[in-house]
Structure formats: C-alpha cells, structure tokens
Amino acid sequence: MGALRPEGSGSVLKGKRKGDLLTAIKVFPVTIHSRSQAYDQFQAGAEQLRRINLEPNPNLVKVLNYGISEIGSQPFIETGFIDGSDLDELLEPPYDPVLTIFEVLKVADHLANALAQC
C-alpha cells in the first residue's frame, strides 16, 4: 500500500492481505541469497520471533511472514500493522517530553510483559 517510513536499518511498508488485514513489512537494506550463511542467520532470527508470539500477547506484534524478496533478494519480515505513534514521536513536540508517573508505569508494564514472553 505504501511506505510508512524509512529507517536506518531498512524501510517499513504498509501492506494489505486478503480481506481487511493491514500489515507492516520491514525490508532490510541488504542483499542475501537463499544458500548463504547470512540467509541461515536471518531465517533463524525470524523463526525465533515467530515462536515468541505463538501465544498471543497484546504487547507483541505478530510475525505473519518472512523471507527474501523476489526482486532484489532483500530479506523482509511481515507483521501485523499497529496504527498509532511510537514512543519517539510521543516525546517530540507538540507532546510533552516529560511523561507522568502513570505513563511511565504503563510503558514499563507493557515492556515487562513483552520481555517476559520473550
């Protein structure tokens, strides 16, 4: 559907699967081939991410797919799409860069929940 934002470690694209399921596709800025050590390492890491979220967790995004693009041989990971701002954006104007204690505890609780599952 289009680019969400470029990142230092690749680009994030917004996609849509059959039906109304929106996805985020992270494309890494490297070229790897399916019979290489780099591919084996990428596949092992992506498979670990998939195993982590076999049990649903509201604090972890679900890994839907991963692989190498047909054009350009770039590795990608497709996840569920989460609409909203990330923490970096919430700490910049027009937002207040100082979080309340309630907000800090909420973020800490969500991070702890995600880390516990990992």
N, C-alpha and C. Protein backbone atom coordinates (compact mmCIF):
# COMPACT_ATOMS: atom_id res chain seq x y z
N MET A 1 0.81 -1.19 0.00
CA MET A 1 0.00 0.00 0.00
C MET A 1 0.86 1.26 0.00
N GLY A 2 2.08 1.17 0.53
CA GLY A 2 2.95 2.33 0.50
C GLY A 2 3.93 2.35 1.64
N ALA A 3 4.90 3.26 1.54
CA ALA A 3 5.94 3.38 2.54
C ALA A 3 5.41 4.08 3.77
N LEU A 4 5.74 3.55 4.94
CA LEU A 4 5.39 4.20 6.19
C LEU A 4 6.51 5.15 6.59
N ARG A 5 7.73 4.62 6.60
CA ARG A 5 8.88 5.47 6.94
C ARG A 5 10.17 4.73 6.61
N PRO A 6 11.16 5.50 6.19
CA PRO A 6 12.48 4.88 6.03
C PRO A 6 13.15 4.79 7.40
N GLU A 7 13.94 3.78 7.60
CA GLU A 7 14.69 3.63 8.83
C GLU A 7 16.13 3.34 8.48
N GLY A 8 17.03 3.56 9.43
CA GLY A 8 18.44 3.29 9.19
C GLY A 8 18.70 1.84 8.84
N SER A 9 17.87 0.95 9.39
CA SER A 9 18.07 -0.48 9.14
C SER A 9 17.07 -1.02 8.12
N GLY A 10 16.53 -0.13 7.25
CA GLY A 10 15.62 -0.59 6.21
C GLY A 10 14.42 0.32 6.08
N SER A 11 13.44 -0.15 5.35
CA SER A 11 12.21 0.59 5.13
C SER A 11 11.04 -0.21 5.67
N VAL A 12 10.00 0.51 6.11
CA VAL A 12 8.79 -0.15 6.56
C VAL A 12 7.67 0.24 5.60
N LEU A 13 7.02 -0.78 5.04
CA LEU A 13 5.94 -0.58 4.09
C LEU A 13 4.62 -1.03 4.72
N LYS A 14 3.55 -0.39 4.34
CA LYS A 14 2.22 -0.80 4.79
C LYS A 14 1.61 -1.67 3.71
N GLY A 15 1.11 -2.82 4.10
CA GLY A 15 0.52 -3.74 3.14
C GLY A 15 -0.88 -4.13 3.54
N LYS A 16 -1.54 -4.85 2.67
CA LYS A 16 -2.89 -5.34 2.96
C LYS A 16 -3.01 -6.76 2.43
N ARG A 17 -3.40 -7.66 3.30
CA ARG A 17 -3.66 -9.04 2.89
C ARG A 17 -5.10 -9.17 2.44
N LYS A 18 -5.47 -10.35 1.97
CA LYS A 18 -6.86 -10.57 1.58
C LYS A 18 -7.77 -10.22 2.75
N GLY A 19 -8.89 -9.63 2.44
CA GLY A 19 -9.77 -9.15 3.49
C GLY A 19 -9.32 -7.77 3.91
N ASP A 20 -9.43 -7.49 5.18
CA ASP A 20 -9.08 -6.16 5.68
C ASP A 20 -7.83 -6.16 6.56
N LEU A 21 -7.04 -7.23 6.56
CA LEU A 21 -5.88 -7.30 7.44
C LEU A 21 -4.75 -6.42 6.91
N LEU A 22 -4.42 -5.37 7.68
CA LEU A 22 -3.30 -4.50 7.33
C LEU A 22 -2.03 -5.06 7.95
N THR A 23 -0.92 -4.92 7.22
CA THR A 23 0.35 -5.43 7.71
C THR A 23 1.44 -4.37 7.58
N ALA A 24 2.52 -4.58 8.30
CA ALA A 24 3.73 -3.76 8.17
C ALA A 24 4.82 -4.69 7.67
N ILE A 25 5.54 -4.27 6.64
CA ILE A 25 6.58 -5.11 6.05
C ILE A 25 7.91 -4.38 6.17
N LYS A 26 8.80 -4.93 6.99
CA LYS A 26 10.14 -4.34 7.18
C LYS A 26 11.05 -4.99 6.15
N VAL A 27 11.62 -4.15 5.26
CA VAL A 27 12.55 -4.63 4.23
C VAL A 27 13.94 -4.15 4.62
N PHE A 28 14.86 -5.08 4.78
CA PHE A 28 16.22 -4.75 5.20
C PHE A 28 17.07 -4.35 4.00
N PRO A 29 17.97 -3.37 4.18
CA PRO A 29 18.74 -2.81 3.05
C PRO A 29 19.98 -3.62 2.69
N VAL A 30 19.85 -4.92 2.64
CA VAL A 30 20.97 -5.78 2.26
C VAL A 30 20.47 -6.80 1.24
N THR A 31 21.39 -7.38 0.52
CA THR A 31 21.05 -8.44 -0.42
C THR A 31 21.63 -9.73 0.12
N ILE A 32 20.78 -10.74 0.25
CA ILE A 32 21.28 -12.06 0.66
C ILE A 32 20.68 -13.11 -0.27
N HIS A 33 21.33 -14.23 -0.33
CA HIS A 33 20.87 -15.30 -1.20
C HIS A 33 20.48 -16.50 -0.37
N SER A 34 19.55 -17.29 -0.87
CA SER A 34 18.95 -18.36 -0.09
C SER A 34 19.93 -19.47 0.30
N ARG A 35 21.06 -19.53 -0.31
CA ARG A 35 22.04 -20.57 0.05
C ARG A 35 23.28 -19.94 0.67
N SER A 36 23.05 -19.01 1.59
CA SER A 36 24.19 -18.33 2.23
C SER A 36 24.07 -18.39 3.74
N GLN A 37 25.18 -18.15 4.40
CA GLN A 37 25.18 -18.12 5.86
C GLN A 37 24.33 -16.95 6.36
N ALA A 38 24.36 -15.83 5.66
CA ALA A 38 23.54 -14.68 6.05
C ALA A 38 22.06 -15.03 6.02
N TYR A 39 21.64 -15.80 5.03
CA TYR A 39 20.23 -16.21 4.96
C TYR A 39 19.89 -17.14 6.11
N ASP A 40 20.77 -18.08 6.40
CA ASP A 40 20.53 -19.00 7.52
C ASP A 40 20.37 -18.23 8.83
N GLN A 41 21.22 -17.21 9.04
CA GLN A 41 21.13 -16.40 10.26
C GLN A 41 19.83 -15.60 10.29
N PHE A 42 19.45 -15.00 9.15
CA PHE A 42 18.20 -14.25 9.07
C PHE A 42 17.02 -15.16 9.35
N GLN A 43 17.00 -16.33 8.73
CA GLN A 43 15.89 -17.25 8.89
C GLN A 43 15.79 -17.73 10.35
N ALA A 44 16.92 -18.01 10.98
CA ALA A 44 16.90 -18.44 12.38
C ALA A 44 16.34 -17.34 13.29
N GLY A 45 16.76 -16.11 13.05
CA GLY A 45 16.25 -14.99 13.86
C GLY A 45 14.76 -14.76 13.64
N ALA A 46 14.31 -14.82 12.40
CA ALA A 46 12.89 -14.62 12.09
C ALA A 46 12.05 -15.75 12.69
N GLU A 47 12.58 -16.95 12.65
CA GLU A 47 11.84 -18.08 13.22
C GLU A 47 11.74 -17.95 14.75
N GLN A 48 12.77 -17.43 15.39
CA GLN A 48 12.70 -17.17 16.83
C GLN A 48 11.59 -16.16 17.14
N LEU A 49 11.51 -15.09 16.32
CA LEU A 49 10.45 -14.10 16.52
C LEU A 49 9.07 -14.73 16.36
N ARG A 50 8.93 -15.60 15.37
CA ARG A 50 7.63 -16.26 15.15
C ARG A 50 7.27 -17.15 16.35
N ARG A 51 8.25 -17.89 16.87
CA ARG A 51 7.99 -18.78 18.01
C ARG A 51 7.62 -17.98 19.27
N ILE A 52 8.24 -16.81 19.44
CA ILE A 52 7.94 -15.99 20.62
C ILE A 52 6.47 -15.64 20.67
N ASN A 53 5.88 -15.36 19.53
CA ASN A 53 4.48 -14.94 19.60
C ASN A 53 3.51 -16.02 19.14
N LEU A 54 3.83 -17.28 19.39
CA LEU A 54 2.85 -18.34 19.15
C LEU A 54 1.66 -18.15 20.08
N GLU A 55 1.93 -17.73 21.32
CA GLU A 55 0.85 -17.36 22.24
C GLU A 55 0.57 -15.88 22.04
N PRO A 56 -0.68 -15.51 21.79
CA PRO A 56 -1.00 -14.09 21.60
C PRO A 56 -0.63 -13.26 22.82
N ASN A 57 -0.10 -12.08 22.57
CA ASN A 57 0.28 -11.14 23.63
C ASN A 57 -0.04 -9.74 23.12
N PRO A 58 -0.82 -8.97 23.85
CA PRO A 58 -1.18 -7.63 23.38
C PRO A 58 0.01 -6.68 23.30
N ASN A 59 1.14 -7.07 23.87
CA ASN A 59 2.32 -6.20 23.86
C ASN A 59 3.37 -6.62 22.84
N LEU A 60 3.05 -7.62 22.03
CA LEU A 60 3.96 -8.07 20.98
C LEU A 60 3.22 -8.08 19.64
N VAL A 61 3.88 -7.58 18.63
CA VAL A 61 3.29 -7.61 17.29
C VAL A 61 3.47 -9.02 16.72
N LYS A 62 2.47 -9.52 16.02
CA LYS A 62 2.51 -10.88 15.49
C LYS A 62 3.30 -10.93 14.18
N VAL A 63 4.27 -11.84 14.10
CA VAL A 63 5.02 -12.09 12.87
C VAL A 63 4.16 -12.97 11.98
N LEU A 64 3.86 -12.49 10.79
CA LEU A 64 2.99 -13.22 9.86
C LEU A 64 3.77 -13.98 8.80
N ASN A 65 4.90 -13.41 8.37
CA ASN A 65 5.64 -14.00 7.26
C ASN A 65 7.06 -13.42 7.26
N TYR A 66 7.96 -14.14 6.64
CA TYR A 66 9.31 -13.61 6.43
C TYR A 66 9.91 -14.34 5.23
N GLY A 67 10.93 -13.74 4.67
CA GLY A 67 11.57 -14.37 3.53
C GLY A 67 12.49 -13.41 2.82
N ILE A 68 12.75 -13.70 1.54
CA ILE A 68 13.59 -12.86 0.70
C ILE A 68 12.75 -12.41 -0.47
N SER A 69 12.81 -11.12 -0.77
CA SER A 69 12.02 -10.59 -1.89
C SER A 69 12.48 -11.21 -3.20
N GLU A 70 11.54 -11.40 -4.11
CA GLU A 70 11.86 -11.97 -5.41
C GLU A 70 12.70 -11.00 -6.23
N ILE A 71 12.44 -9.72 -6.06
CA ILE A 71 13.20 -8.69 -6.76
C ILE A 71 14.18 -8.07 -5.77
N GLY A 72 15.44 -8.16 -6.02
CA GLY A 72 16.45 -7.54 -5.17
C GLY A 72 17.03 -8.42 -4.09
N SER A 73 16.44 -9.59 -3.87
CA SER A 73 16.94 -10.54 -2.85
C SER A 73 17.15 -9.88 -1.49
N GLN A 74 16.18 -9.06 -1.08
CA GLN A 74 16.27 -8.40 0.22
C GLN A 74 15.41 -9.14 1.24
N PRO A 75 15.95 -9.38 2.44
CA PRO A 75 15.15 -10.04 3.47
C PRO A 75 14.05 -9.11 3.97
N PHE A 76 12.91 -9.72 4.34
CA PHE A 76 11.80 -8.94 4.88
C PHE A 76 11.12 -9.73 5.98
N ILE A 77 10.45 -8.98 6.86
CA ILE A 77 9.60 -9.57 7.90
C ILE A 77 8.27 -8.84 7.83
N GLU A 78 7.19 -9.61 7.74
CA GLU A 78 5.84 -9.03 7.70
C GLU A 78 5.17 -9.28 9.04
N THR A 79 4.64 -8.21 9.62
CA THR A 79 3.96 -8.31 10.91
C THR A 79 2.57 -7.69 10.80
N GLY A 80 1.79 -7.88 11.83
CA GLY A 80 0.53 -7.16 11.92
C GLY A 80 0.80 -5.67 11.98
N PHE A 81 -0.11 -4.87 11.48
CA PHE A 81 0.04 -3.41 11.48
C PHE A 81 -0.57 -2.84 12.75
N ILE A 82 0.18 -1.98 13.41
CA ILE A 82 -0.31 -1.29 14.60
C ILE A 82 -0.37 0.19 14.27
N ASP A 83 -1.57 0.73 14.30
CA ASP A 83 -1.76 2.14 13.98
C ASP A 83 -1.49 2.98 15.23
N GLY A 84 -0.79 4.07 15.05
CA GLY A 84 -0.53 4.97 16.17
C GLY A 84 0.89 5.47 16.16
N SER A 85 1.21 6.24 17.17
CA SER A 85 2.54 6.83 17.29
C SER A 85 3.46 5.90 18.05
N ASP A 86 4.77 5.99 17.75
CA ASP A 86 5.72 5.24 18.57
C ASP A 86 6.23 6.17 19.67
N LEU A 87 6.98 5.62 20.61
CA LEU A 87 7.43 6.39 21.76
C LEU A 87 8.28 7.58 21.36
N ASP A 88 9.14 7.43 20.35
CA ASP A 88 9.95 8.56 19.87
C ASP A 88 9.08 9.74 19.48
N GLU A 89 8.00 9.44 18.76
CA GLU A 89 7.11 10.51 18.31
C GLU A 89 6.38 11.16 19.48
N LEU A 90 6.05 10.37 20.49
CA LEU A 90 5.32 10.91 21.64
C LEU A 90 6.20 11.77 22.55
N LEU A 91 7.50 11.72 22.36
CA LEU A 91 8.41 12.53 23.17
C LEU A 91 8.84 13.81 22.46
N GLU A 92 8.27 14.05 21.26
CA GLU A 92 8.59 15.26 20.49
C GLU A 92 7.39 16.20 20.47
N PRO A 93 7.64 17.50 20.21
CA PRO A 93 6.52 18.44 20.11
C PRO A 93 5.52 17.98 19.06
N PRO A 94 4.25 18.17 19.25
CA PRO A 94 3.59 19.03 20.23
C PRO A 94 3.34 18.36 21.57
N TYR A 95 3.82 17.12 21.76
CA TYR A 95 3.60 16.40 23.01
C TYR A 95 4.58 16.87 24.07
N ASP A 96 4.21 16.65 25.31
CA ASP A 96 5.08 16.98 26.44
C ASP A 96 6.16 15.90 26.54
N PRO A 97 7.46 16.26 26.48
CA PRO A 97 8.52 15.25 26.52
C PRO A 97 8.71 14.61 27.89
N VAL A 98 8.00 15.10 28.88
CA VAL A 98 8.09 14.53 30.23
C VAL A 98 6.83 13.71 30.48
N LEU A 99 7.03 12.43 30.73
CA LEU A 99 5.90 11.54 30.98
C LEU A 99 5.48 11.60 32.44
N THR A 100 4.20 11.43 32.69
CA THR A 100 3.72 11.35 34.07
C THR A 100 4.13 10.01 34.65
N ILE A 101 4.08 9.88 35.95
CA ILE A 101 4.43 8.61 36.59
C ILE A 101 3.49 7.50 36.11
N PHE A 102 2.22 7.83 35.90
CA PHE A 102 1.26 6.85 35.39
C PHE A 102 1.68 6.37 34.00
N GLU A 103 2.09 7.28 33.14
CA GLU A 103 2.52 6.91 31.78
C GLU A 103 3.79 6.06 31.81
N VAL A 104 4.74 6.41 32.68
CA VAL A 104 5.98 5.64 32.81
C VAL A 104 5.67 4.22 33.28
N LEU A 105 4.79 4.10 34.27
CA LEU A 105 4.44 2.77 34.78
C LEU A 105 3.71 1.94 33.72
N LYS A 106 2.87 2.59 32.93
CA LYS A 106 2.15 1.88 31.87
C LYS A 106 3.12 1.34 30.82
N VAL A 107 4.07 2.19 30.38
CA VAL A 107 5.08 1.76 29.41
C VAL A 107 5.94 0.63 30.00
N ALA A 108 6.36 0.79 31.25
CA ALA A 108 7.19 -0.22 31.91
C ALA A 108 6.44 -1.55 32.02
N ASP A 109 5.16 -1.50 32.34
CA ASP A 109 4.35 -2.71 32.46
C ASP A 109 4.24 -3.42 31.10
N HIS A 110 4.01 -2.65 30.04
CA HIS A 110 3.91 -3.25 28.71
C HIS A 110 5.24 -3.86 28.27
N LEU A 111 6.34 -3.16 28.54
CA LEU A 111 7.66 -3.69 28.17
C LEU A 111 7.97 -4.95 28.96
N ALA A 112 7.67 -4.94 30.27
CA ALA A 112 7.94 -6.12 31.11
C ALA A 112 7.12 -7.32 30.64
N ASN A 113 5.88 -7.07 30.25
CA ASN A 113 5.02 -8.14 29.76
C ASN A 113 5.60 -8.74 28.47
N ALA A 114 6.05 -7.89 27.57
CA ALA A 114 6.64 -8.36 26.31
C ALA A 114 7.94 -9.11 26.57
N LEU A 115 8.79 -8.57 27.42
CA LEU A 115 10.07 -9.23 27.72
C LEU A 115 9.86 -10.57 28.42
N ALA A 116 8.87 -10.65 29.29
CA ALA A 116 8.60 -11.91 29.99
C ALA A 116 8.26 -13.02 28.99
N GLN A 117 7.52 -12.69 27.96
CA GLN A 117 7.18 -13.70 26.96
C GLN A 117 8.39 -14.06 26.10
N CYS A 118 9.24 -13.09 25.85
CA CYS A 118 10.45 -13.37 25.05
C CYS A 118 11.37 -14.31 25.80
